[in-house]
Amino acid sequence: MTQRRKHDNVVQQAAVVGSVVQRLRKAREMSLDELSELSGVAKSIISRIERNETNPTLATMLKLADALGLPPHQLLAESDSCKPIIQHQKRRDIPLLISEDGKCRLHIIGALELVEWVQWYDFQAEPGGVLASEPHQPGCVEHLHVLRGVLEVRCGDTVALVRAGETLRYRGDLPHVITNVGQETAQAVMVLILQPIA
């Protein structure tokens, strides 16, 4: 991929997040300063996100979502209520989350309107990439099916390896870390099954 195409993709992904962050912030009558103070994200970074100049990391997304009182993925939801019979998202339009170390990428391939019940991702990790997650809501179970490479999953005090063609299921309501311990880029399908909150 050329540098120009890479830049265009980043701008398109950032535009989705930026416009939604700005819309939600203004709907809550929050200033940039207030959102910065609530989220712990620098005002300059929020401003760049809203101007579509940067694609936020997963950690930044989580902080902004918490400050806005929303599930993280709702930041990416569009307000259009008209739903076609067939929804087609091209690769460049699928929302992307990036781990803190920049080595793991999660394309959100699940329907955004279902995030309270089920979430699924196309997960890719470069060698040595680490995705650390805080506990999700009680009763959450993560399913990780590896398509390529070998991943180590630490859930609570338990550690397991999962290789291409294998599936691992583990509690998502405990702290968990996924690490690419192989020599090649790993790819997996990650599905989170959530318990409805009464």
N, C-alpha and C. Protein backbone atom coordinates (compact mmCIF):
# COMPACT_ATOMS: atom_id res chain seq x y z
N MET A 1 0.84 -1.18 0.00
CA MET A 1 0.00 0.00 0.00
C MET A 1 0.88 1.25 0.00
N THR A 2 0.55 2.23 -0.85
CA THR A 2 1.35 3.44 -0.90
C THR A 2 1.10 4.29 0.33
N GLN A 3 2.06 5.22 0.59
CA GLN A 3 1.90 6.12 1.73
C GLN A 3 0.64 6.96 1.58
N ARG A 4 0.31 7.34 0.35
CA ARG A 4 -0.88 8.15 0.10
C ARG A 4 -2.14 7.37 0.49
N ARG A 5 -2.21 6.10 0.08
CA ARG A 5 -3.39 5.29 0.40
C ARG A 5 -3.49 5.05 1.89
N LYS A 6 -2.33 4.82 2.54
CA LYS A 6 -2.34 4.64 3.99
C LYS A 6 -2.89 5.89 4.67
N HIS A 7 -2.44 7.05 4.21
CA HIS A 7 -2.90 8.30 4.81
C HIS A 7 -4.40 8.46 4.61
N ASP A 8 -4.90 8.16 3.40
CA ASP A 8 -6.33 8.29 3.12
C ASP A 8 -7.15 7.37 4.03
N ASN A 9 -6.67 6.13 4.24
CA ASN A 9 -7.39 5.21 5.11
C ASN A 9 -7.45 5.71 6.54
N VAL A 10 -6.33 6.25 7.05
CA VAL A 10 -6.31 6.79 8.41
C VAL A 10 -7.29 7.94 8.52
N VAL A 11 -7.32 8.82 7.52
CA VAL A 11 -8.22 9.96 7.55
C VAL A 11 -9.68 9.49 7.56
N GLN A 12 -10.00 8.48 6.73
CA GLN A 12 -11.37 7.98 6.69
C GLN A 12 -11.78 7.37 8.02
N GLN A 13 -10.90 6.58 8.63
CA GLN A 13 -11.21 5.96 9.91
C GLN A 13 -11.33 7.02 11.00
N ALA A 14 -10.43 8.00 10.99
CA ALA A 14 -10.47 9.06 11.98
C ALA A 14 -11.73 9.89 11.83
N ALA A 15 -12.16 10.09 10.56
CA ALA A 15 -13.35 10.91 10.32
C ALA A 15 -14.57 10.30 10.98
N VAL A 16 -14.70 8.98 10.96
CA VAL A 16 -15.83 8.33 11.60
C VAL A 16 -15.82 8.62 13.09
N VAL A 17 -14.70 8.39 13.74
CA VAL A 17 -14.59 8.61 15.18
C VAL A 17 -14.72 10.09 15.51
N GLY A 18 -14.00 10.93 14.79
CA GLY A 18 -13.98 12.35 15.10
C GLY A 18 -15.34 13.00 15.04
N SER A 19 -16.11 12.71 14.00
CA SER A 19 -17.42 13.34 13.87
C SER A 19 -18.36 12.89 14.97
N VAL A 20 -18.26 11.62 15.37
CA VAL A 20 -19.14 11.11 16.42
C VAL A 20 -18.75 11.69 17.77
N VAL A 21 -17.44 11.76 18.07
CA VAL A 21 -16.99 12.35 19.33
C VAL A 21 -17.49 13.79 19.43
N GLN A 22 -17.32 14.54 18.36
CA GLN A 22 -17.74 15.94 18.38
C GLN A 22 -19.25 16.07 18.56
N ARG A 23 -20.02 15.23 17.84
CA ARG A 23 -21.48 15.29 17.94
C ARG A 23 -21.94 14.98 19.35
N LEU A 24 -21.37 13.92 19.95
CA LEU A 24 -21.78 13.53 21.30
C LEU A 24 -21.35 14.56 22.33
N ARG A 25 -20.17 15.11 22.17
CA ARG A 25 -19.70 16.14 23.10
C ARG A 25 -20.63 17.36 23.08
N LYS A 26 -20.98 17.81 21.88
CA LYS A 26 -21.85 18.98 21.76
C LYS A 26 -23.27 18.68 22.25
N ALA A 27 -23.73 17.45 22.02
CA ALA A 27 -25.07 17.08 22.49
C ALA A 27 -25.14 17.13 24.01
N ARG A 28 -24.01 16.88 24.66
CA ARG A 28 -23.95 16.92 26.13
C ARG A 28 -23.52 18.30 26.65
N GLU A 29 -23.41 19.25 25.70
CA GLU A 29 -23.03 20.62 26.03
C GLU A 29 -21.73 20.67 26.82
N MET A 30 -20.77 19.86 26.36
CA MET A 30 -19.46 19.80 27.00
C MET A 30 -18.45 20.55 26.15
N SER A 31 -17.59 21.31 26.81
CA SER A 31 -16.50 21.97 26.11
C SER A 31 -15.35 20.97 25.93
N LEU A 32 -14.39 21.33 25.10
CA LEU A 32 -13.20 20.50 24.95
C LEU A 32 -12.48 20.36 26.28
N ASP A 33 -12.43 21.45 27.04
CA ASP A 33 -11.77 21.43 28.35
C ASP A 33 -12.46 20.44 29.29
N GLU A 34 -13.80 20.44 29.29
CA GLU A 34 -14.55 19.55 30.18
C GLU A 34 -14.33 18.09 29.81
N LEU A 35 -14.38 17.80 28.49
CA LEU A 35 -14.16 16.42 28.06
C LEU A 35 -12.73 15.98 28.37
N SER A 36 -11.79 16.88 28.21
CA SER A 36 -10.40 16.56 28.53
C SER A 36 -10.24 16.25 30.01
N GLU A 37 -10.87 17.06 30.86
CA GLU A 37 -10.75 16.85 32.30
C GLU A 37 -11.41 15.54 32.73
N LEU A 38 -12.58 15.23 32.15
CA LEU A 38 -13.29 14.00 32.51
C LEU A 38 -12.59 12.75 32.01
N SER A 39 -12.00 12.83 30.83
CA SER A 39 -11.41 11.65 30.20
C SER A 39 -9.94 11.45 30.53
N GLY A 40 -9.26 12.53 30.88
CA GLY A 40 -7.82 12.43 31.07
C GLY A 40 -7.05 12.46 29.76
N VAL A 41 -7.75 12.75 28.66
CA VAL A 41 -7.11 12.86 27.34
C VAL A 41 -6.85 14.35 27.09
N ALA A 42 -5.65 14.66 26.64
CA ALA A 42 -5.28 16.06 26.42
C ALA A 42 -6.23 16.75 25.45
N LYS A 43 -6.54 18.00 25.76
CA LYS A 43 -7.44 18.79 24.91
C LYS A 43 -6.95 18.83 23.47
N SER A 44 -5.63 18.97 23.29
CA SER A 44 -5.08 19.05 21.93
C SER A 44 -5.32 17.76 21.15
N ILE A 45 -5.28 16.61 21.85
CA ILE A 45 -5.52 15.33 21.18
C ILE A 45 -6.99 15.21 20.79
N ILE A 46 -7.89 15.59 21.70
CA ILE A 46 -9.33 15.53 21.39
C ILE A 46 -9.63 16.44 20.20
N SER A 47 -9.03 17.62 20.20
CA SER A 47 -9.24 18.55 19.10
C SER A 47 -8.77 17.95 17.78
N ARG A 48 -7.61 17.29 17.79
CA ARG A 48 -7.10 16.65 16.56
C ARG A 48 -8.01 15.52 16.11
N ILE A 49 -8.56 14.76 17.08
CA ILE A 49 -9.49 13.68 16.73
C ILE A 49 -10.72 14.26 16.06
N GLU A 50 -11.28 15.32 16.64
CA GLU A 50 -12.49 15.92 16.09
C GLU A 50 -12.24 16.56 14.72
N ARG A 51 -11.02 17.00 14.47
CA ARG A 51 -10.67 17.58 13.16
C ARG A 51 -10.23 16.50 12.16
N ASN A 52 -10.35 15.24 12.58
CA ASN A 52 -10.01 14.12 11.69
C ASN A 52 -8.54 14.10 11.30
N GLU A 53 -7.68 14.52 12.23
CA GLU A 53 -6.25 14.56 11.96
C GLU A 53 -5.50 13.37 12.56
N THR A 54 -6.19 12.56 13.36
CA THR A 54 -5.52 11.41 13.97
C THR A 54 -6.53 10.32 14.25
N ASN A 55 -6.04 9.09 14.29
CA ASN A 55 -6.88 7.93 14.60
C ASN A 55 -6.56 7.53 16.05
N PRO A 56 -7.52 7.62 16.97
CA PRO A 56 -7.20 7.37 18.39
C PRO A 56 -6.83 5.93 18.67
N THR A 57 -5.99 5.75 19.70
CA THR A 57 -5.65 4.40 20.15
C THR A 57 -6.83 3.81 20.91
N LEU A 58 -6.76 2.50 21.17
CA LEU A 58 -7.81 1.83 21.92
C LEU A 58 -7.95 2.46 23.31
N ALA A 59 -6.82 2.76 23.96
CA ALA A 59 -6.88 3.35 25.30
C ALA A 59 -7.59 4.70 25.27
N THR A 60 -7.32 5.51 24.26
CA THR A 60 -7.97 6.81 24.14
C THR A 60 -9.46 6.65 23.91
N MET A 61 -9.84 5.69 23.05
CA MET A 61 -11.26 5.41 22.80
C MET A 61 -11.99 5.06 24.08
N LEU A 62 -11.38 4.20 24.89
CA LEU A 62 -12.00 3.77 26.13
C LEU A 62 -12.19 4.95 27.08
N LYS A 63 -11.20 5.82 27.17
CA LYS A 63 -11.29 6.99 28.05
C LYS A 63 -12.38 7.95 27.60
N LEU A 64 -12.45 8.21 26.30
CA LEU A 64 -13.46 9.12 25.78
C LEU A 64 -14.86 8.54 25.95
N ALA A 65 -14.99 7.25 25.68
CA ALA A 65 -16.30 6.60 25.82
C ALA A 65 -16.78 6.70 27.27
N ASP A 66 -15.88 6.43 28.20
CA ASP A 66 -16.24 6.49 29.62
C ASP A 66 -16.66 7.90 30.01
N ALA A 67 -15.93 8.90 29.54
CA ALA A 67 -16.26 10.29 29.86
C ALA A 67 -17.59 10.71 29.26
N LEU A 68 -17.94 10.13 28.11
CA LEU A 68 -19.21 10.46 27.45
C LEU A 68 -20.35 9.57 27.92
N GLY A 69 -20.03 8.59 28.80
CA GLY A 69 -21.05 7.71 29.35
C GLY A 69 -21.61 6.71 28.36
N LEU A 70 -20.72 6.17 27.50
CA LEU A 70 -21.16 5.25 26.45
C LEU A 70 -20.26 4.04 26.37
N PRO A 71 -20.77 2.92 25.80
CA PRO A 71 -19.87 1.81 25.44
C PRO A 71 -18.89 2.33 24.39
N PRO A 72 -17.63 1.88 24.41
CA PRO A 72 -16.63 2.39 23.47
C PRO A 72 -17.06 2.35 22.02
N HIS A 73 -17.73 1.29 21.61
CA HIS A 73 -18.05 1.13 20.19
C HIS A 73 -19.15 2.08 19.73
N GLN A 74 -19.91 2.63 20.68
CA GLN A 74 -20.97 3.54 20.27
C GLN A 74 -20.39 4.85 19.74
N LEU A 75 -19.13 5.13 20.06
CA LEU A 75 -18.48 6.30 19.48
C LEU A 75 -18.43 6.19 17.96
N LEU A 76 -18.46 4.95 17.47
CA LEU A 76 -18.34 4.73 16.03
C LEU A 76 -19.68 4.58 15.34
N ALA A 77 -20.76 4.58 16.15
CA ALA A 77 -22.09 4.37 15.57
C ALA A 77 -22.55 5.63 14.85
N GLU A 78 -23.22 5.46 13.76
CA GLU A 78 -23.77 6.59 13.03
C GLU A 78 -25.25 6.72 13.39
N SER A 79 -25.77 7.94 13.32
CA SER A 79 -27.13 8.20 13.79
C SER A 79 -28.20 7.90 12.74
N ASP A 80 -27.80 7.43 11.59
CA ASP A 80 -28.77 7.13 10.53
C ASP A 80 -29.66 5.96 10.94
N SER A 81 -30.96 6.19 11.04
CA SER A 81 -31.88 5.14 11.49
C SER A 81 -32.38 4.27 10.34
N CYS A 82 -32.08 4.65 9.11
CA CYS A 82 -32.52 3.85 7.96
C CYS A 82 -31.54 2.69 7.76
N LYS A 83 -32.05 1.47 7.89
CA LYS A 83 -31.18 0.30 7.79
C LYS A 83 -31.50 -0.48 6.51
N PRO A 84 -30.54 -0.60 5.62
CA PRO A 84 -30.78 -1.35 4.39
C PRO A 84 -30.89 -2.85 4.66
N ILE A 85 -31.44 -3.58 3.70
CA ILE A 85 -31.56 -5.03 3.83
C ILE A 85 -30.17 -5.65 3.84
N ILE A 86 -29.27 -5.11 3.03
CA ILE A 86 -27.89 -5.59 2.99
C ILE A 86 -26.98 -4.43 3.39
N GLN A 87 -26.14 -4.67 4.36
CA GLN A 87 -25.14 -3.67 4.75
C GLN A 87 -23.77 -4.15 4.28
N HIS A 88 -23.12 -3.33 3.48
CA HIS A 88 -21.82 -3.69 2.93
C HIS A 88 -20.80 -2.66 3.37
N GLN A 89 -19.85 -3.08 4.18
CA GLN A 89 -18.76 -2.20 4.59
C GLN A 89 -17.49 -2.64 3.90
N LYS A 90 -16.91 -1.73 3.14
CA LYS A 90 -15.63 -2.03 2.52
C LYS A 90 -14.55 -1.95 3.59
N ARG A 91 -13.43 -2.62 3.34
CA ARG A 91 -12.37 -2.72 4.35
C ARG A 91 -11.96 -1.34 4.88
N ARG A 92 -11.86 -0.37 4.00
CA ARG A 92 -11.40 0.96 4.43
C ARG A 92 -12.41 1.66 5.33
N ASP A 93 -13.68 1.20 5.31
CA ASP A 93 -14.71 1.84 6.11
C ASP A 93 -14.99 1.13 7.44
N ILE A 94 -14.34 -0.01 7.66
CA ILE A 94 -14.56 -0.76 8.90
C ILE A 94 -13.76 -0.09 10.02
N PRO A 95 -14.42 0.27 11.13
CA PRO A 95 -13.71 0.97 12.22
C PRO A 95 -12.53 0.15 12.74
N LEU A 96 -11.48 0.86 13.11
CA LEU A 96 -10.24 0.22 13.55
C LEU A 96 -9.85 0.73 14.93
N LEU A 97 -9.52 -0.20 15.82
CA LEU A 97 -8.96 0.12 17.13
C LEU A 97 -7.52 -0.36 17.15
N ILE A 98 -6.65 0.38 17.81
CA ILE A 98 -5.23 0.04 17.86
C ILE A 98 -4.79 -0.06 19.31
N SER A 99 -4.02 -1.09 19.63
CA SER A 99 -3.55 -1.29 21.01
C SER A 99 -2.58 -0.20 21.43
N GLU A 100 -2.33 -0.13 22.73
CA GLU A 100 -1.46 0.91 23.27
C GLU A 100 -0.06 0.85 22.67
N ASP A 101 0.45 -0.38 22.40
CA ASP A 101 1.80 -0.50 21.85
C ASP A 101 1.84 -0.32 20.33
N GLY A 102 0.67 -0.16 19.71
CA GLY A 102 0.60 0.06 18.27
C GLY A 102 0.80 -1.18 17.43
N LYS A 103 0.93 -2.36 18.08
CA LYS A 103 1.22 -3.59 17.35
C LYS A 103 0.00 -4.49 17.15
N CYS A 104 -1.11 -4.15 17.77
CA CYS A 104 -2.34 -4.96 17.62
C CYS A 104 -3.43 -4.09 17.01
N ARG A 105 -4.16 -4.67 16.07
CA ARG A 105 -5.25 -3.96 15.41
C ARG A 105 -6.52 -4.79 15.48
N LEU A 106 -7.60 -4.11 15.83
CA LEU A 106 -8.90 -4.78 15.91
C LEU A 106 -9.86 -4.06 14.99
N HIS A 107 -10.20 -4.70 13.87
CA HIS A 107 -11.23 -4.16 13.00
C HIS A 107 -12.57 -4.63 13.56
N ILE A 108 -13.47 -3.67 13.77
CA ILE A 108 -14.79 -4.00 14.33
C ILE A 108 -15.67 -4.52 13.19
N ILE A 109 -15.84 -5.84 13.12
CA ILE A 109 -16.60 -6.42 12.01
C ILE A 109 -18.02 -6.80 12.43
N GLY A 110 -18.35 -6.61 13.71
CA GLY A 110 -19.70 -6.89 14.18
C GLY A 110 -20.61 -5.69 13.96
N ALA A 111 -21.91 -5.95 14.01
CA ALA A 111 -22.89 -4.87 13.86
C ALA A 111 -22.86 -3.99 15.10
N LEU A 112 -22.72 -2.69 14.91
CA LEU A 112 -22.58 -1.77 16.04
C LEU A 112 -23.81 -1.75 16.93
N GLU A 113 -24.98 -2.03 16.35
CA GLU A 113 -26.20 -1.98 17.17
C GLU A 113 -26.32 -3.18 18.11
N LEU A 114 -25.42 -4.16 17.97
CA LEU A 114 -25.48 -5.36 18.82
C LEU A 114 -24.40 -5.38 19.90
N VAL A 115 -23.67 -4.27 20.07
CA VAL A 115 -22.51 -4.30 20.96
C VAL A 115 -22.84 -4.60 22.41
N GLU A 116 -24.09 -4.41 22.83
CA GLU A 116 -24.45 -4.70 24.21
C GLU A 116 -24.57 -6.21 24.45
N TRP A 117 -24.67 -6.99 23.38
CA TRP A 117 -24.85 -8.44 23.50
C TRP A 117 -23.69 -9.23 22.93
N VAL A 118 -23.22 -8.82 21.77
CA VAL A 118 -22.14 -9.55 21.11
C VAL A 118 -21.25 -8.57 20.34
N GLN A 119 -19.95 -8.78 20.42
CA GLN A 119 -18.99 -7.96 19.69
C GLN A 119 -18.01 -8.89 19.00
N TRP A 120 -17.68 -8.62 17.75
CA TRP A 120 -16.66 -9.45 17.12
C TRP A 120 -15.72 -8.61 16.27
N TYR A 121 -14.49 -9.13 16.20
CA TYR A 121 -13.37 -8.37 15.64
C TYR A 121 -12.51 -9.26 14.75
N ASP A 122 -11.88 -8.62 13.77
CA ASP A 122 -10.77 -9.21 13.03
C ASP A 122 -9.53 -8.70 13.76
N PHE A 123 -8.85 -9.61 14.46
CA PHE A 123 -7.72 -9.24 15.32
C PHE A 123 -6.41 -9.62 14.65
N GLN A 124 -5.47 -8.67 14.58
CA GLN A 124 -4.15 -8.93 14.04
C GLN A 124 -3.11 -8.38 15.01
N ALA A 125 -2.05 -9.16 15.21
CA ALA A 125 -0.98 -8.74 16.13
C ALA A 125 0.37 -9.02 15.50
N GLU A 126 1.22 -8.01 15.48
CA GLU A 126 2.60 -8.19 15.03
C GLU A 126 3.36 -8.99 16.09
N PRO A 127 4.48 -9.62 15.71
CA PRO A 127 5.28 -10.35 16.71
C PRO A 127 5.59 -9.46 17.92
N GLY A 128 5.33 -9.99 19.10
CA GLY A 128 5.56 -9.23 20.33
C GLY A 128 4.42 -8.31 20.71
N GLY A 129 3.40 -8.19 19.85
CA GLY A 129 2.26 -7.31 20.14
C GLY A 129 1.48 -7.78 21.35
N VAL A 130 1.02 -6.82 22.15
CA VAL A 130 0.30 -7.13 23.38
C VAL A 130 -1.00 -6.34 23.43
N LEU A 131 -2.11 -7.03 23.67
CA LEU A 131 -3.40 -6.39 23.88
C LEU A 131 -3.85 -6.71 25.30
N ALA A 132 -3.79 -5.73 26.18
CA ALA A 132 -4.20 -5.92 27.58
C ALA A 132 -5.58 -5.32 27.76
N SER A 133 -6.47 -6.08 28.39
CA SER A 133 -7.85 -5.63 28.58
C SER A 133 -8.24 -5.70 30.05
N GLU A 134 -8.92 -4.66 30.49
CA GLU A 134 -9.53 -4.68 31.81
C GLU A 134 -10.76 -5.59 31.75
N PRO A 135 -11.25 -6.04 32.90
CA PRO A 135 -12.43 -6.91 32.89
C PRO A 135 -13.62 -6.23 32.21
N HIS A 136 -14.34 -7.01 31.41
CA HIS A 136 -15.59 -6.54 30.83
C HIS A 136 -16.70 -6.81 31.85
N GLN A 137 -17.92 -6.62 31.45
CA GLN A 137 -19.04 -6.77 32.40
C GLN A 137 -19.14 -8.21 32.89
N PRO A 138 -19.71 -8.42 34.09
CA PRO A 138 -19.83 -9.78 34.65
C PRO A 138 -20.52 -10.74 33.69
N GLY A 139 -19.97 -11.94 33.61
CA GLY A 139 -20.56 -12.98 32.75
C GLY A 139 -20.05 -12.99 31.33
N CYS A 140 -19.21 -12.03 30.97
CA CYS A 140 -18.68 -11.97 29.60
C CYS A 140 -17.73 -13.13 29.32
N VAL A 141 -17.87 -13.73 28.15
CA VAL A 141 -16.97 -14.79 27.70
C VAL A 141 -16.37 -14.37 26.36
N GLU A 142 -15.05 -14.48 26.23
CA GLU A 142 -14.38 -14.19 24.96
C GLU A 142 -14.06 -15.49 24.26
N HIS A 143 -14.22 -15.47 22.93
CA HIS A 143 -13.89 -16.61 22.08
C HIS A 143 -12.83 -16.13 21.10
N LEU A 144 -11.71 -16.84 21.03
CA LEU A 144 -10.60 -16.45 20.17
C LEU A 144 -10.26 -17.61 19.25
N HIS A 145 -10.53 -17.46 17.95
CA HIS A 145 -10.20 -18.50 16.98
C HIS A 145 -9.04 -18.00 16.12
N VAL A 146 -7.91 -18.69 16.21
CA VAL A 146 -6.69 -18.25 15.53
C VAL A 146 -6.65 -18.77 14.09
N LEU A 147 -6.46 -17.87 13.17
CA LEU A 147 -6.36 -18.21 11.75
C LEU A 147 -4.91 -18.38 11.31
N ARG A 148 -4.01 -17.62 11.95
CA ARG A 148 -2.59 -17.67 11.59
C ARG A 148 -1.76 -17.30 12.81
N GLY A 149 -0.64 -18.02 12.99
CA GLY A 149 0.29 -17.69 14.07
C GLY A 149 -0.04 -18.40 15.37
N VAL A 150 0.57 -17.91 16.45
CA VAL A 150 0.36 -18.50 17.78
C VAL A 150 0.24 -17.35 18.79
N LEU A 151 -0.79 -17.43 19.62
CA LEU A 151 -1.05 -16.40 20.61
C LEU A 151 -1.03 -17.00 22.01
N GLU A 152 -0.57 -16.19 22.95
CA GLU A 152 -0.64 -16.57 24.36
C GLU A 152 -1.73 -15.73 25.00
N VAL A 153 -2.60 -16.40 25.76
CA VAL A 153 -3.67 -15.69 26.46
C VAL A 153 -3.48 -15.90 27.96
N ARG A 154 -3.40 -14.79 28.67
CA ARG A 154 -3.35 -14.83 30.13
C ARG A 154 -4.67 -14.29 30.64
N CYS A 155 -5.39 -15.12 31.38
CA CYS A 155 -6.69 -14.73 31.95
C CYS A 155 -6.62 -14.97 33.44
N GLY A 156 -6.64 -13.88 34.21
CA GLY A 156 -6.41 -14.04 35.64
C GLY A 156 -5.02 -14.60 35.86
N ASP A 157 -4.93 -15.73 36.54
CA ASP A 157 -3.64 -16.37 36.80
C ASP A 157 -3.35 -17.54 35.86
N THR A 158 -4.21 -17.75 34.88
CA THR A 158 -4.07 -18.89 33.96
C THR A 158 -3.51 -18.44 32.63
N VAL A 159 -2.58 -19.23 32.08
CA VAL A 159 -1.96 -18.92 30.79
C VAL A 159 -2.16 -20.10 29.84
N ALA A 160 -2.50 -19.80 28.59
CA ALA A 160 -2.68 -20.85 27.59
C ALA A 160 -2.17 -20.36 26.24
N LEU A 161 -1.66 -21.31 25.42
CA LEU A 161 -1.25 -21.02 24.05
C LEU A 161 -2.34 -21.51 23.11
N VAL A 162 -2.59 -20.76 22.05
CA VAL A 162 -3.56 -21.18 21.04
C VAL A 162 -2.94 -20.93 19.67
N ARG A 163 -3.00 -21.98 18.82
CA ARG A 163 -2.34 -21.94 17.51
C ARG A 163 -3.37 -21.90 16.39
N ALA A 164 -2.87 -21.71 15.17
CA ALA A 164 -3.74 -21.65 14.00
C ALA A 164 -4.65 -22.87 13.95
N GLY A 165 -5.93 -22.61 13.72
CA GLY A 165 -6.93 -23.68 13.64
C GLY A 165 -7.55 -24.03 14.98
N GLU A 166 -7.07 -23.42 16.06
CA GLU A 166 -7.59 -23.71 17.40
C GLU A 166 -8.41 -22.55 17.94
N THR A 167 -9.29 -22.88 18.88
CA THR A 167 -10.15 -21.88 19.51
C THR A 167 -9.95 -21.91 21.02
N LEU A 168 -9.91 -20.77 21.62
CA LEU A 168 -9.78 -20.65 23.07
C LEU A 168 -10.96 -19.83 23.58
N ARG A 169 -11.57 -20.30 24.67
CA ARG A 169 -12.64 -19.54 25.32
C ARG A 169 -12.22 -19.26 26.74
N TYR A 170 -12.46 -18.05 27.20
CA TYR A 170 -12.00 -17.65 28.53
C TYR A 170 -12.88 -16.53 29.05
N ARG A 171 -12.80 -16.34 30.35
CA ARG A 171 -13.62 -15.32 30.99
C ARG A 171 -13.16 -13.91 30.62
N GLY A 172 -14.10 -13.15 30.10
CA GLY A 172 -13.79 -11.77 29.76
C GLY A 172 -14.00 -10.82 30.92
N ASP A 173 -14.57 -11.35 32.02
CA ASP A 173 -14.81 -10.49 33.18
C ASP A 173 -13.66 -10.53 34.18
N LEU A 174 -12.52 -11.07 33.73
CA LEU A 174 -11.27 -11.00 34.48
C LEU A 174 -10.25 -10.23 33.65
N PRO A 175 -9.24 -9.64 34.27
CA PRO A 175 -8.18 -9.01 33.47
C PRO A 175 -7.56 -10.04 32.54
N HIS A 176 -7.35 -9.69 31.28
CA HIS A 176 -6.79 -10.66 30.33
C HIS A 176 -5.87 -9.95 29.34
N VAL A 177 -4.86 -10.72 28.90
CA VAL A 177 -3.84 -10.19 28.00
C VAL A 177 -3.60 -11.19 26.87
N ILE A 178 -3.60 -10.69 25.64
CA ILE A 178 -3.29 -11.51 24.47
C ILE A 178 -1.94 -11.03 23.93
N THR A 179 -1.00 -11.98 23.75
CA THR A 179 0.33 -11.64 23.27
C THR A 179 0.69 -12.52 22.08
N ASN A 180 1.23 -11.93 21.04
CA ASN A 180 1.74 -12.71 19.91
C ASN A 180 3.14 -13.18 20.27
N VAL A 181 3.26 -14.47 20.58
CA VAL A 181 4.56 -15.03 20.97
C VAL A 181 5.27 -15.70 19.80
N GLY A 182 4.68 -15.62 18.61
CA GLY A 182 5.28 -16.23 17.43
C GLY A 182 6.18 -15.27 16.67
N GLN A 183 6.68 -15.74 15.54
CA GLN A 183 7.60 -14.96 14.71
C GLN A 183 6.92 -14.31 13.52
N GLU A 184 5.63 -14.54 13.36
CA GLU A 184 4.89 -13.96 12.24
C GLU A 184 3.69 -13.19 12.77
N THR A 185 3.12 -12.36 11.92
CA THR A 185 1.90 -11.65 12.30
C THR A 185 0.79 -12.66 12.51
N ALA A 186 0.13 -12.57 13.65
CA ALA A 186 -0.96 -13.48 13.98
C ALA A 186 -2.30 -12.83 13.61
N GLN A 187 -3.23 -13.68 13.22
CA GLN A 187 -4.58 -13.20 12.90
C GLN A 187 -5.59 -14.12 13.55
N ALA A 188 -6.64 -13.52 14.09
CA ALA A 188 -7.67 -14.31 14.77
C ALA A 188 -9.02 -13.60 14.65
N VAL A 189 -10.07 -14.37 14.83
CA VAL A 189 -11.41 -13.81 14.98
C VAL A 189 -11.71 -13.81 16.47
N MET A 190 -12.07 -12.66 17.00
CA MET A 190 -12.37 -12.52 18.43
C MET A 190 -13.86 -12.17 18.58
N VAL A 191 -14.55 -12.95 19.41
CA VAL A 191 -15.97 -12.71 19.66
C VAL A 191 -16.20 -12.59 21.16
N LEU A 192 -16.88 -11.53 21.58
CA LEU A 192 -17.24 -11.35 22.98
C LEU A 192 -18.74 -11.56 23.12
N ILE A 193 -19.12 -12.48 24.00
CA ILE A 193 -20.54 -12.70 24.31
C ILE A 193 -20.80 -12.05 25.66
N LEU A 194 -21.74 -11.12 25.68
CA LEU A 194 -22.01 -10.34 26.88
C LEU A 194 -23.34 -10.73 27.50
N GLN A 195 -23.41 -10.69 28.81
CA GLN A 195 -24.67 -10.93 29.50
C GLN A 195 -25.47 -9.63 29.52
N PRO A 196 -26.75 -9.67 29.14
CA PRO A 196 -27.56 -8.44 29.18
C PRO A 196 -27.58 -7.86 30.57
N ILE A 197 -27.46 -6.54 30.65
CA ILE A 197 -27.53 -5.84 31.93
C ILE A 197 -28.98 -5.46 32.19
N ALA A 198 -29.51 -5.94 33.31
CA ALA A 198 -30.92 -5.66 33.63
C ALA A 198 -31.11 -4.18 33.99
